[in-house]
Amino acid sequence: MLLRKSPSPEATIRSSEITPQSVFEQPHPTRRRFLTGAATLGAAALAARTIPSLISPPTTVEAAEQLVTIPSKYNLSDPETPLAKASTYNNFYEFGTDKSDPSHEAHRLPTRPWPIQITGMVKKPQTINIDDLIHYRPLESRVYRFRCVEAWSLIIPWDGYSLSEFINFCQPLASAKYVQFFSYNNKSVMPDEPSGYNWPYREGLRMDEAMNPLTLLTFGCYGQVLPNQNGAPVRVIVPWKYGFKSAKSIVRFHFTDKQPETTWNEADGREYGFYSNVNPNYDNARWSQAHERRLDSSVFPRNIPTQMFNGYGDQVASLYAGMDLKKFY
């Protein structure tokens, strides 16, 4: 069992003092298709027709439970993506394949009780409680770029602490070279889950990637608990990789000495490599990665150049020194 370590009053400030609270908006029921062209005038007109709820989500919702966080050095000056967009334009295939499906369907996800298994090459396999995990360390508020393989991007303030701290608690054996994440899966809760995939959703990282300080064990965003569609109650954020590497709704951490199977790499290894580092110089089978469409407070997505490692090269490029990033994509 994890020991609760609540942050001292002197070391913390409430999230309401960090992130302004506002009335957030629900998704429009209209289905949206992803914008595939550059952000030209014609593409903007297409966006107005196909993703209207990103432009003007119409109704309000009740604010979620607030989190107590402390400031972090991992912050960006870029304008944040409004929560109304970040929580209504999501990939979460277990709740449907349209971007708007998770915001409509993920309310069925039960987030308590939420036992979490620690298995594989560790000194002591065990099961722990989500609330003990949340209180294991003070939660930091980190503003990260979040880049999806489909060439859209967001700026999101995530709340959590470095995954390395939790891995140290797990006490993996020296022979463990990878950590694998297993997501929640329940067909009665996820009736729209598409066939043809080997569920549950699985992802994984090399141990040095998982231990990098940027890799965030995440419990909230925008100063409040994660919306279900954003991966409640716990996920990882790996900001220099494409978004599908940041596994949602995790129920198991498995340590192994072999490169683990991952859902998208298994489904289409040509398009979804195990590493999946953001790389403007390497296109996948369907999309150019040279540019991205940034979802922010502007009316239409902005077309901007993609940065190598999503702009985090100073912190992570050394992890891949000497590797052919077109072979190990």
C-alpha atoms as a PDB file:
ATOM      1  CA  MET A   1       0.000   0.000   0.000  1.00  0.00           C
ATOM      2  CA  LEU A   2       1.286   3.454  -0.859  1.00  0.00           C
ATOM      3  CA  LEU A   3       1.825   5.966   1.886  1.00  0.00           C
ATOM      4  CA  ARG A   4      -0.149   9.176   1.517  1.00  0.00           C
ATOM      5  CA  LYS A   5       2.105  12.232   1.364  1.00  0.00           C
ATOM      6  CA  SER A   6       0.004  15.349   1.239  1.00  0.00           C
ATOM      7  CA  PRO A   7       1.829  18.523   0.255  1.00  0.00           C
ATOM      8  CA  SER A   8       2.420  20.993   3.036  1.00  0.00           C
ATOM      9  CA  PRO A   9       0.292  24.174   3.093  1.00  0.00           C
ATOM     10  CA  GLU A  10       3.423  26.234   2.571  1.00  0.00           C
ATOM     11  CA  ALA A  11       4.378  24.295  -0.558  1.00  0.00           C
ATOM     12  CA  THR A  12       1.033  24.357  -2.330  1.00  0.00           C
ATOM     13  CA  ILE A  13      -1.529  26.704  -3.657  1.00  0.00           C
ATOM     14  CA  ARG A  14      -4.971  25.738  -4.794  1.00  0.00           C
ATOM     15  CA  SER A  15      -5.526  25.142  -8.464  1.00  0.00           C
ATOM     16  CA  SER A  16      -8.110  27.920  -8.529  1.00  0.00           C
ATOM     17  CA  GLU A  17      -5.276  30.305  -7.744  1.00  0.00           C
ATOM     18  CA  ILE A  18      -3.211  28.917 -10.619  1.00  0.00           C
ATOM     19  CA  THR A  19      -5.714  28.285 -13.379  1.00  0.00           C
ATOM     20  CA  PRO A  20      -8.644  30.693 -13.797  1.00  0.00           C
ATOM     21  CA  GLN A  21     -11.926  28.820 -13.514  1.00  0.00           C
ATOM     22  CA  SER A  22     -14.574  29.425 -16.140  1.00  0.00           C
ATOM     23  CA  VAL A  23     -17.756  27.962 -17.416  1.00  0.00           C
ATOM     24  CA  PHE A  24     -16.854  25.157 -19.771  1.00  0.00           C
ATOM     25  CA  GLU A  25     -18.815  24.000 -22.748  1.00  0.00           C
ATOM     26  CA  GLN A  26     -20.247  20.703 -23.945  1.00  0.00           C
ATOM     27  CA  PRO A  27     -19.865  19.181 -27.388  1.00  0.00           C
ATOM     28  CA  HIS A  28     -22.323  19.862 -30.141  1.00  0.00           C
ATOM     29  CA  PRO A  29     -24.036  16.575 -31.132  1.00  0.00           C
ATOM     30  CA  THR A  30     -22.979  16.962 -34.771  1.00  0.00           C
ATOM     31  CA  ARG A  31     -20.308  14.436 -35.829  1.00  0.00           C
ATOM     32  CA  ARG A  32     -17.039  15.991 -36.935  1.00  0.00           C
ATOM     33  CA  ARG A  33     -14.557  14.848 -39.543  1.00  0.00           C
ATOM     34  CA  PHE A  34     -10.907  15.649 -39.203  1.00  0.00           C
ATOM     35  CA  LEU A  35      -9.586  18.524 -41.291  1.00  0.00           C
ATOM     36  CA  THR A  36      -6.943  17.112 -43.647  1.00  0.00           C
ATOM     37  CA  GLY A  37      -5.874  20.094 -45.757  1.00  0.00           C
ATOM     38  CA  ALA A  38      -3.580  22.996 -44.926  1.00  0.00           C
ATOM     39  CA  ALA A  39      -5.022  25.931 -43.044  1.00  0.00           C
ATOM     40  CA  THR A  40      -5.853  27.956 -46.117  1.00  0.00           C
ATOM     41  CA  LEU A  41      -9.013  29.997 -46.590  1.00  0.00           C
ATOM     42  CA  GLY A  42     -10.644  27.017 -48.287  1.00  0.00           C
ATOM     43  CA  ALA A  43      -9.599  24.705 -45.462  1.00  0.00           C
ATOM     44  CA  ALA A  44     -10.953  27.187 -42.934  1.00  0.00           C
ATOM     45  CA  ALA A  45     -14.288  27.185 -44.706  1.00  0.00           C
ATOM     46  CA  LEU A  46     -14.249  23.401 -44.619  1.00  0.00           C
ATOM     47  CA  ALA A  47     -13.479  23.511 -40.904  1.00  0.00           C
ATOM     48  CA  ALA A  48     -16.482  25.737 -40.307  1.00  0.00           C
ATOM     49  CA  ARG A  49     -18.710  23.099 -41.881  1.00  0.00           C
ATOM     50  CA  THR A  50     -17.132  19.943 -40.462  1.00  0.00           C
ATOM     51  CA  ILE A  51     -16.055  20.877 -36.931  1.00  0.00           C
ATOM     52  CA  PRO A  52     -18.594  23.498 -35.799  1.00  0.00           C
ATOM     53  CA  SER A  53     -18.402  22.529 -32.125  1.00  0.00           C
ATOM     54  CA  LEU A  54     -14.688  23.325 -32.060  1.00  0.00           C
ATOM     55  CA  ILE A  55     -15.581  26.827 -33.155  1.00  0.00           C
ATOM     56  CA  SER A  56     -18.637  27.438 -31.000  1.00  0.00           C
ATOM     57  CA  PRO A  57     -19.553  24.694 -28.497  1.00  0.00           C
ATOM     58  CA  PRO A  58     -23.083  25.686 -27.506  1.00  0.00           C
ATOM     59  CA  THR A  59     -23.924  24.630 -23.948  1.00  0.00           C
ATOM     60  CA  THR A  60     -22.401  24.737 -20.471  1.00  0.00           C
ATOM     61  CA  VAL A  61     -21.528  21.937 -18.096  1.00  0.00           C
ATOM     62  CA  GLU A  62     -20.839  21.744 -14.412  1.00  0.00           C
ATOM     63  CA  ALA A  63     -17.187  22.137 -13.412  1.00  0.00           C
ATOM     64  CA  ALA A  64     -15.405  18.963 -12.313  1.00  0.00           C
ATOM     65  CA  GLU A  65     -13.682  18.272  -8.994  1.00  0.00           C
ATOM     66  CA  GLN A  66     -10.749  20.622  -8.470  1.00  0.00           C
ATOM     67  CA  LEU A  67      -7.205  19.481  -7.738  1.00  0.00           C
ATOM     68  CA  VAL A  68      -4.574  20.989  -5.488  1.00  0.00           C
ATOM     69  CA  THR A  69      -1.414  21.526  -7.533  1.00  0.00           C
ATOM     70  CA  ILE A  70       1.951  23.217  -7.235  1.00  0.00           C
ATOM     71  CA  PRO A  71       3.670  25.218  -9.994  1.00  0.00           C
ATOM     72  CA  SER A  72       6.155  23.466 -12.247  1.00  0.00           C
ATOM     73  CA  LYS A  73       9.200  24.479 -14.270  1.00  0.00           C
ATOM     74  CA  TYR A  74       7.739  22.528 -17.198  1.00  0.00           C
ATOM     75  CA  ASN A  75       5.577  25.230 -18.696  1.00  0.00           C
ATOM     76  CA  LEU A  76       5.123  26.897 -22.056  1.00  0.00           C
ATOM     77  CA  SER A  77       4.217  30.448 -22.929  1.00  0.00           C
ATOM     78  CA  ASP A  78       2.014  29.293 -25.837  1.00  0.00           C
ATOM     79  CA  PRO A  79      -1.711  30.112 -25.518  1.00  0.00           C
ATOM     80  CA  GLU A  80      -3.586  27.164 -24.033  1.00  0.00           C
ATOM     81  CA  THR A  81      -6.193  25.211 -25.922  1.00  0.00           C
ATOM     82  CA  PRO A  82      -9.577  25.853 -24.250  1.00  0.00           C
ATOM     83  CA  LEU A  83     -10.859  22.894 -22.238  1.00  0.00           C
ATOM     84  CA  ALA A  84     -14.028  22.934 -24.331  1.00  0.00           C
ATOM     85  CA  LYS A  85     -11.920  21.902 -27.341  1.00  0.00           C
ATOM     86  CA  ALA A  86      -9.455  19.653 -25.525  1.00  0.00           C
ATOM     87  CA  SER A  87     -12.304  17.612 -24.023  1.00  0.00           C
ATOM     88  CA  THR A  88     -14.527  17.311 -27.100  1.00  0.00           C
ATOM     89  CA  TYR A  89     -12.037  16.440 -29.844  1.00  0.00           C
ATOM     90  CA  ASN A  90     -10.448  13.206 -28.690  1.00  0.00           C
ATOM     91  CA  ASN A  91      -9.150   9.830 -29.760  1.00  0.00           C
ATOM     92  CA  PHE A  92     -10.460   7.109 -27.439  1.00  0.00           C
ATOM     93  CA  TYR A  93     -11.487   4.274 -29.730  1.00  0.00           C
ATOM     94  CA  GLU A  94     -13.031   2.236 -26.930  1.00  0.00           C
ATOM     95  CA  PHE A  95     -15.793   4.865 -26.936  1.00  0.00           C
ATOM     96  CA  GLY A  96     -16.065   5.261 -30.710  1.00  0.00           C
ATOM     97  CA  THR A  97     -13.924   6.287 -33.650  1.00  0.00           C
ATOM     98  CA  ASP A  98     -15.256   9.806 -34.306  1.00  0.00           C
ATOM     99  CA  LYS A  99     -13.476  12.600 -32.475  1.00  0.00           C
ATOM    100  CA  SER A 100     -16.733  13.634 -30.786  1.00  0.00           C
ATOM    101  CA  ASP A 101     -17.718  10.112 -29.665  1.00  0.00           C
ATOM    102  CA  PRO A 102     -15.690   9.981 -26.416  1.00  0.00           C
ATOM    103  CA  SER A 103     -17.224  13.191 -25.065  1.00  0.00           C
ATOM    104  CA  HIS A 104     -20.687  11.703 -25.611  1.00  0.00           C
ATOM    105  CA  GLU A 105     -20.015   8.132 -24.520  1.00  0.00           C
ATOM    106  CA  ALA A 106     -17.240   8.103 -21.900  1.00  0.00           C
ATOM    107  CA  HIS A 107     -19.607   9.106 -19.081  1.00  0.00           C
ATOM    108  CA  ARG A 108     -20.139   5.336 -18.696  1.00  0.00           C
ATOM    109  CA  LEU A 109     -16.547   4.825 -17.529  1.00  0.00           C
ATOM    110  CA  PRO A 110     -16.549   3.969 -13.781  1.00  0.00           C
ATOM    111  CA  THR A 111     -13.553   5.664 -12.167  1.00  0.00           C
ATOM    112  CA  ARG A 112     -14.054   4.348  -8.611  1.00  0.00           C
ATOM    113  CA  PRO A 113     -13.099   1.862  -7.362  1.00  0.00           C
ATOM    114  CA  TRP A 114      -9.989   1.776  -9.559  1.00  0.00           C
ATOM    115  CA  PRO A 115      -7.423  -0.849  -8.526  1.00  0.00           C
ATOM    116  CA  ILE A 116      -4.070  -0.670 -10.323  1.00  0.00           C
ATOM    117  CA  GLN A 117      -1.872  -3.735 -10.805  1.00  0.00           C
ATOM    118  CA  ILE A 118       1.931  -3.700 -10.752  1.00  0.00           C
ATOM    119  CA  THR A 119       3.181  -6.863 -12.462  1.00  0.00           C
ATOM    120  CA  GLY A 120       6.146  -8.446 -14.179  1.00  0.00           C
ATOM    121  CA  MET A 121       9.775  -7.905 -13.310  1.00  0.00           C
ATOM    122  CA  VAL A 122       9.414  -6.105  -9.992  1.00  0.00           C
ATOM    123  CA  LYS A 123      10.511  -6.972  -6.476  1.00  0.00           C
ATOM    124  CA  LYS A 124       6.923  -7.149  -5.252  1.00  0.00           C
ATOM    125  CA  PRO A 125       3.946  -7.514  -7.597  1.00  0.00           C
ATOM    126  CA  GLN A 126       0.970  -5.829  -5.972  1.00  0.00           C
ATOM    127  CA  THR A 127      -2.321  -4.021  -6.452  1.00  0.00           C
ATOM    128  CA  ILE A 128      -2.744  -0.453  -5.238  1.00  0.00           C
ATOM    129  CA  ASN A 129      -5.563   2.069  -4.963  1.00  0.00           C
ATOM    130  CA  ILE A 130      -5.922   5.049  -7.305  1.00  0.00           C
ATOM    131  CA  ASP A 131      -6.411   7.515  -4.440  1.00  0.00           C
ATOM    132  CA  ASP A 132      -3.211   6.418  -2.744  1.00  0.00           C
ATOM    133  CA  LEU A 133      -1.465   6.898  -6.065  1.00  0.00           C
ATOM    134  CA  ILE A 134      -2.856  10.428  -6.414  1.00  0.00           C
ATOM    135  CA  HIS A 135      -1.632  11.377  -2.946  1.00  0.00           C
ATOM    136  CA  TYR A 136       1.789   9.761  -3.268  1.00  0.00           C
ATOM    137  CA  ARG A 137       3.397  13.025  -4.398  1.00  0.00           C
ATOM    138  CA  PRO A 138       2.272  16.655  -4.777  1.00  0.00           C
ATOM    139  CA  LEU A 139       0.684  17.211  -8.158  1.00  0.00           C
ATOM    140  CA  GLU A 140       2.398  19.638 -10.508  1.00  0.00           C
ATOM    141  CA  SER A 141       0.636  21.698 -13.146  1.00  0.00           C
ATOM    142  CA  ARG A 142       2.618  21.330 -16.403  1.00  0.00           C
ATOM    143  CA  VAL A 143       1.721  23.047 -19.660  1.00  0.00           C
ATOM    144  CA  TYR A 144       2.773  20.719 -22.479  1.00  0.00           C
ATOM    145  CA  ARG A 145       2.429  20.551 -26.230  1.00  0.00           C
ATOM    146  CA  PHE A 146       0.339  17.548 -27.237  1.00  0.00           C
ATOM    147  CA  ARG A 147       0.799  16.369 -30.838  1.00  0.00           C
ATOM    148  CA  CYS A 148      -1.347  13.751 -32.568  1.00  0.00           C
ATOM    149  CA  VAL A 149      -0.209  11.581 -35.441  1.00  0.00           C
ATOM    150  CA  GLU A 150      -3.098  12.949 -37.530  1.00  0.00           C
ATOM    151  CA  ALA A 151      -1.298  16.303 -37.530  1.00  0.00           C
ATOM    152  CA  TRP A 152      -3.356  18.237 -35.014  1.00  0.00           C
ATOM    153  CA  SER A 153      -1.950  19.656 -31.799  1.00  0.00           C
ATOM    154  CA  LEU A 154      -2.992  21.288 -28.551  1.00  0.00           C
ATOM    155  CA  ILE A 155      -1.461  23.117 -25.594  1.00  0.00           C
ATOM    156  CA  ILE A 156      -2.780  21.560 -22.381  1.00  0.00           C
ATOM    157  CA  PRO A 157      -2.031  22.132 -18.678  1.00  0.00           C
ATOM    158  CA  TRP A 158      -1.755  18.596 -17.257  1.00  0.00           C
ATOM    159  CA  ASP A 159      -1.695  17.781 -13.534  1.00  0.00           C
ATOM    160  CA  GLY A 160       0.437  14.970 -12.127  1.00  0.00           C
ATOM    161  CA  TYR A 161       4.016  14.071 -11.237  1.00  0.00           C
ATOM    162  CA  SER A 162       6.905  12.410 -13.065  1.00  0.00           C
ATOM    163  CA  LEU A 163       6.259   8.761 -13.849  1.00  0.00           C
ATOM    164  CA  SER A 164       9.791   8.048 -12.636  1.00  0.00           C
ATOM    165  CA  GLU A 165       8.667   8.626  -9.056  1.00  0.00           C
ATOM    166  CA  PHE A 166       6.025   5.943  -9.329  1.00  0.00           C
ATOM    167  CA  ILE A 167       8.416   3.575 -11.108  1.00  0.00           C
ATOM    168  CA  ASN A 168      10.869   3.957  -8.237  1.00  0.00           C
ATOM    169  CA  PHE A 169       8.078   2.930  -5.877  1.00  0.00           C
ATOM    170  CA  CYS A 170       7.376  -0.143  -8.050  1.00  0.00           C
ATOM    171  CA  GLN A 171      11.008  -1.282  -7.648  1.00  0.00           C
ATOM    172  CA  PRO A 172      11.553  -2.871 -11.056  1.00  0.00           C
ATOM    173  CA  LEU A 173      14.374  -5.388 -11.342  1.00  0.00           C
ATOM    174  CA  ALA A 174      17.582  -4.230 -13.030  1.00  0.00           C
ATOM    175  CA  SER A 175      16.776  -6.589 -15.901  1.00  0.00           C
ATOM    176  CA  ALA A 176      13.495  -4.771 -16.677  1.00  0.00           C
ATOM    177  CA  LYS A 177      14.053  -2.725 -19.832  1.00  0.00           C
ATOM    178  CA  TYR A 178      10.485  -1.644 -20.667  1.00  0.00           C
ATOM    179  CA  VAL A 179       7.242  -0.718 -18.971  1.00  0.00           C
ATOM    180  CA  GLN A 180       3.918  -1.617 -20.596  1.00  0.00           C
ATOM    181  CA  PHE A 181       0.587   0.074 -19.893  1.00  0.00           C
ATOM    182  CA  PHE A 182      -2.767  -1.699 -20.044  1.00  0.00           C
ATOM    183  CA  SER A 183      -5.945   0.366 -20.332  1.00  0.00           C
ATOM    184  CA  TYR A 184      -9.355  -0.403 -18.869  1.00  0.00           C
ATOM    185  CA  ASN A 185     -11.530  -2.588 -21.054  1.00  0.00           C
ATOM    186  CA  ASN A 186     -15.124  -3.665 -20.483  1.00  0.00           C
ATOM    187  CA  LYS A 187     -17.462  -4.360 -23.381  1.00  0.00           C
ATOM    188  CA  SER A 188     -20.542  -3.564 -21.314  1.00  0.00           C
ATOM    189  CA  VAL A 189     -19.135  -0.088 -20.652  1.00  0.00           C
ATOM    190  CA  MET A 190     -17.655   0.290 -24.141  1.00  0.00           C
ATOM    191  CA  PRO A 191     -20.304  -1.122 -26.514  1.00  0.00           C
ATOM    192  CA  ASP A 192     -19.025   0.984 -29.444  1.00  0.00           C
ATOM    193  CA  GLU A 193     -15.523  -0.483 -29.207  1.00  0.00           C
ATOM    194  CA  PRO A 194     -14.554  -1.381 -32.798  1.00  0.00           C
ATOM    195  CA  SER A 195     -13.748  -4.956 -33.726  1.00  0.00           C
ATOM    196  CA  GLY A 196     -10.510  -5.952 -35.417  1.00  0.00           C
ATOM    197  CA  TYR A 197      -8.206  -4.812 -32.595  1.00  0.00           C
ATOM    198  CA  ASN A 198      -6.639  -6.878 -29.856  1.00  0.00           C
ATOM    199  CA  TRP A 199      -8.142  -5.201 -26.793  1.00  0.00           C
ATOM    200  CA  PRO A 200      -7.343  -4.065 -24.132  1.00  0.00           C
ATOM    201  CA  TYR A 201      -5.373  -1.082 -25.378  1.00  0.00           C
ATOM    202  CA  ARG A 202      -1.658  -1.535 -24.705  1.00  0.00           C
ATOM    203  CA  GLU A 203       1.236   0.873 -24.941  1.00  0.00           C
ATOM    204  CA  GLY A 204       4.809   0.846 -23.757  1.00  0.00           C
ATOM    205  CA  LEU A 205       8.021   2.778 -23.286  1.00  0.00           C
ATOM    206  CA  ARG A 206      11.673   1.930 -23.018  1.00  0.00           C
ATOM    207  CA  MET A 207      12.678   2.326 -19.386  1.00  0.00           C
ATOM    208  CA  ASP A 208      14.888   5.366 -19.996  1.00  0.00           C
ATOM    209  CA  GLU A 209      11.953   7.058 -21.772  1.00  0.00           C
ATOM    210  CA  ALA A 210       9.629   6.258 -18.893  1.00  0.00           C
ATOM    211  CA  MET A 211      12.166   7.582 -16.384  1.00  0.00           C
ATOM    212  CA  ASN A 212      12.702  10.869 -18.227  1.00  0.00           C
ATOM    213  CA  PRO A 213      11.421  13.714 -15.982  1.00  0.00           C
ATOM    214  CA  LEU A 214       9.096  14.940 -18.747  1.00  0.00           C
ATOM    215  CA  THR A 215       7.048  11.717 -18.756  1.00  0.00           C
ATOM    216  CA  LEU A 216       4.065  12.566 -16.603  1.00  0.00           C
ATOM    217  CA  LEU A 217       1.813  10.279 -14.576  1.00  0.00           C
ATOM    218  CA  THR A 218      -1.349  12.306 -15.026  1.00  0.00           C
ATOM    219  CA  PHE A 219      -4.509  12.633 -12.932  1.00  0.00           C
ATOM    220  CA  GLY A 220      -5.964  15.923 -14.127  1.00  0.00           C
ATOM    221  CA  CYS A 221      -5.908  18.799 -16.561  1.00  0.00           C
ATOM    222  CA  TYR A 222      -6.819  22.473 -16.293  1.00  0.00           C
ATOM    223  CA  GLY A 223      -6.639  22.191 -12.501  1.00  0.00           C
ATOM    224  CA  GLN A 224      -9.378  19.563 -12.231  1.00  0.00           C
ATOM    225  CA  VAL A 225      -9.691  15.795 -12.413  1.00  0.00           C
ATOM    226  CA  LEU A 226      -9.351  14.296 -15.870  1.00  0.00           C
ATOM    227  CA  PRO A 227     -12.563  14.214 -17.880  1.00  0.00           C
ATOM    228  CA  ASN A 228     -13.381  10.590 -18.688  1.00  0.00           C
ATOM    229  CA  GLN A 229     -12.813  11.186 -22.385  1.00  0.00           C
ATOM    230  CA  ASN A 230      -9.298  12.464 -21.624  1.00  0.00           C
ATOM    231  CA  GLY A 231      -8.269   9.246 -19.883  1.00  0.00           C
ATOM    232  CA  ALA A 232      -9.615   9.341 -16.316  1.00  0.00           C
ATOM    233  CA  PRO A 233      -8.655   8.552 -13.677  1.00  0.00           C
ATOM    234  CA  VAL A 234      -4.975   8.060 -14.574  1.00  0.00           C
ATOM    235  CA  ARG A 235      -2.953   8.193 -17.782  1.00  0.00           C
ATOM    236  CA  VAL A 236       0.552   9.001 -18.929  1.00  0.00           C
ATOM    237  CA  ILE A 237       1.634  11.975 -21.028  1.00  0.00           C
ATOM    238  CA  VAL A 238       4.797  11.595 -23.120  1.00  0.00           C
ATOM    239  CA  PRO A 239       5.002  15.039 -24.742  1.00  0.00           C
ATOM    240  CA  TRP A 240       7.720  14.365 -27.341  1.00  0.00           C
ATOM    241  CA  LYS A 241       5.780  11.435 -28.852  1.00  0.00           C
ATOM    242  CA  TYR A 242       2.567  11.249 -30.848  1.00  0.00           C
ATOM    243  CA  GLY A 243      -0.517  11.225 -28.660  1.00  0.00           C
ATOM    244  CA  PHE A 244      -1.411   7.540 -28.963  1.00  0.00           C
ATOM    245  CA  LYS A 245       1.705   6.700 -26.922  1.00  0.00           C
ATOM    246  CA  SER A 246       0.148   8.467 -23.917  1.00  0.00           C
ATOM    247  CA  ALA A 247      -2.004   5.589 -22.673  1.00  0.00           C
ATOM    248  CA  LYS A 248      -5.355   6.418 -21.059  1.00  0.00           C
ATOM    249  CA  SER A 249      -7.339   4.918 -18.153  1.00  0.00           C
ATOM    250  CA  ILE A 250      -4.482   2.687 -17.021  1.00  0.00           C
ATOM    251  CA  VAL A 251      -5.246  -0.354 -14.853  1.00  0.00           C
ATOM    252  CA  ARG A 252      -1.911  -2.159 -15.041  1.00  0.00           C
ATOM    253  CA  PHE A 253       1.807  -1.338 -15.197  1.00  0.00           C
ATOM    254  CA  HIS A 254       3.818  -4.325 -16.437  1.00  0.00           C
ATOM    255  CA  PHE A 255       7.631  -4.425 -16.368  1.00  0.00           C
ATOM    256  CA  THR A 256       9.469  -6.619 -18.871  1.00  0.00           C
ATOM    257  CA  ASP A 257      12.860  -7.219 -20.476  1.00  0.00           C
ATOM    258  CA  LYS A 258      11.388  -7.472 -23.993  1.00  0.00           C
ATOM    259  CA  GLN A 259       9.900  -4.761 -26.190  1.00  0.00           C
ATOM    260  CA  PRO A 260       6.191  -5.030 -25.402  1.00  0.00           C
ATOM    261  CA  GLU A 261       3.371  -5.351 -27.889  1.00  0.00           C
ATOM    262  CA  THR A 262       1.439  -2.127 -28.400  1.00  0.00           C
ATOM    263  CA  THR A 263      -2.027  -1.845 -29.900  1.00  0.00           C
ATOM    264  CA  TRP A 264      -1.411   0.475 -32.833  1.00  0.00           C
ATOM    265  CA  ASN A 265       1.977  -0.968 -33.734  1.00  0.00           C
ATOM    266  CA  GLU A 266       0.385  -4.415 -33.776  1.00  0.00           C
ATOM    267  CA  ALA A 267      -2.537  -3.176 -35.898  1.00  0.00           C
ATOM    268  CA  ASP A 268      -0.376  -1.367 -38.481  1.00  0.00           C
ATOM    269  CA  GLY A 269       3.362  -1.398 -37.916  1.00  0.00           C
ATOM    270  CA  ARG A 270       3.974   0.573 -41.120  1.00  0.00           C
ATOM    271  CA  GLU A 271       2.176   3.581 -39.767  1.00  0.00           C
ATOM    272  CA  TYR A 272       2.595   3.321 -35.999  1.00  0.00           C
ATOM    273  CA  GLY A 273       6.148   2.598 -34.903  1.00  0.00           C
ATOM    274  CA  PHE A 274       7.031   1.559 -31.381  1.00  0.00           C
ATOM    275  CA  TYR A 275       8.943   4.782 -30.730  1.00  0.00           C
ATOM    276  CA  SER A 276       6.591   7.219 -32.503  1.00  0.00           C
ATOM    277  CA  ASN A 277       8.663  10.293 -31.731  1.00  0.00           C
ATOM    278  CA  VAL A 278       7.305  13.489 -33.266  1.00  0.00           C
ATOM    279  CA  ASN A 279       9.418  13.915 -36.395  1.00  0.00           C
ATOM    280  CA  PRO A 280       8.669  16.472 -39.134  1.00  0.00           C
ATOM    281  CA  ASN A 281      11.129  14.676 -41.432  1.00  0.00           C
ATOM    282  CA  TYR A 282       9.371  11.305 -41.370  1.00  0.00           C
ATOM    283  CA  ASP A 283       5.851  10.962 -42.725  1.00  0.00           C
ATOM    284  CA  ASN A 284       3.655   8.041 -41.865  1.00  0.00           C
ATOM    285  CA  ALA A 285       1.604   6.210 -44.469  1.00  0.00           C
ATOM    286  CA  ARG A 286      -1.233   8.756 -44.623  1.00  0.00           C
ATOM    287  CA  TRP A 287      -0.108  12.101 -43.258  1.00  0.00           C
ATOM    288  CA  SER A 288       2.708  14.526 -43.740  1.00  0.00           C
ATOM    289  CA  GLN A 289       4.187  15.386 -40.368  1.00  0.00           C
ATOM    290  CA  ALA A 290       5.906  18.587 -41.511  1.00  0.00           C
ATOM    291  CA  HIS A 291       3.042  20.788 -40.295  1.00  0.00           C
ATOM    292  CA  GLU A 292       0.283  20.563 -37.710  1.00  0.00           C
ATOM    293  CA  ARG A 293      -3.049  22.201 -37.032  1.00  0.00           C
ATOM    294  CA  ARG A 294      -3.049  23.866 -33.626  1.00  0.00           C
ATOM    295  CA  LEU A 295      -6.357  23.949 -31.781  1.00  0.00           C
ATOM    296  CA  ASP A 296      -6.413  27.064 -29.625  1.00  0.00           C
ATOM    297  CA  SER A 297      -8.806  29.903 -28.836  1.00  0.00           C
ATOM    298  CA  SER A 298      -8.767  31.165 -32.413  1.00  0.00           C
ATOM    299  CA  VAL A 299     -11.797  30.445 -34.576  1.00  0.00           C
ATOM    300  CA  PHE A 300      -9.999  28.104 -36.979  1.00  0.00           C
ATOM    301  CA  PRO A 301      -7.059  25.724 -36.408  1.00  0.00           C
ATOM    302  CA  ARG A 302      -3.712  27.382 -37.189  1.00  0.00           C
ATOM    303  CA  ASN A 303      -1.274  25.671 -39.537  1.00  0.00           C
ATOM    304  CA  ILE A 304       2.220  25.721 -37.980  1.00  0.00           C
ATOM    305  CA  PRO A 305       5.531  23.879 -38.609  1.00  0.00           C
ATOM    306  CA  THR A 306       6.119  20.731 -36.584  1.00  0.00           C
ATOM    307  CA  GLN A 307       9.150  20.741 -34.292  1.00  0.00           C
ATOM    308  CA  MET A 308      11.463  17.763 -33.922  1.00  0.00           C
ATOM    309  CA  PHE A 309      10.556  15.846 -30.755  1.00  0.00           C
ATOM    310  CA  ASN A 310       7.614  18.265 -30.504  1.00  0.00           C
ATOM    311  CA  GLY A 311      10.019  20.959 -29.311  1.00  0.00           C
ATOM    312  CA  TYR A 312      11.475  18.874 -26.459  1.00  0.00           C
ATOM    313  CA  GLY A 313      14.721  17.916 -28.192  1.00  0.00           C
ATOM    314  CA  ASP A 314      16.964  19.506 -25.562  1.00  0.00           C
ATOM    315  CA  GLN A 315      15.513  17.154 -22.943  1.00  0.00           C
ATOM    316  CA  VAL A 316      15.136  13.934 -24.941  1.00  0.00           C
ATOM    317  CA  ALA A 317      17.306  13.844 -28.089  1.00  0.00           C
ATOM    318  CA  SER A 318      20.137  12.135 -26.192  1.00  0.00           C
ATOM    319  CA  LEU A 319      17.856   9.119 -25.616  1.00  0.00           C
ATOM    320  CA  TYR A 320      18.115   8.337 -29.327  1.00  0.00           C
ATOM    321  CA  ALA A 321      21.740   9.236 -30.041  1.00  0.00           C
ATOM    322  CA  GLY A 322      23.079   7.134 -32.906  1.00  0.00           C
ATOM    323  CA  MET A 323      19.673   5.673 -33.799  1.00  0.00           C
ATOM    324  CA  ASP A 324      18.249   5.826 -37.317  1.00  0.00           C
ATOM    325  CA  LEU A 325      14.948   7.589 -36.586  1.00  0.00           C
ATOM    326  CA  LYS A 326      13.516   6.516 -39.940  1.00  0.00           C
ATOM    327  CA  LYS A 327      14.166   2.873 -39.125  1.00  0.00           C
ATOM    328  CA  PHE A 328      13.221   3.230 -35.458  1.00  0.00           C
ATOM    329  CA  TYR A 329      10.218   5.455 -36.103  1.00  0.00           C
END
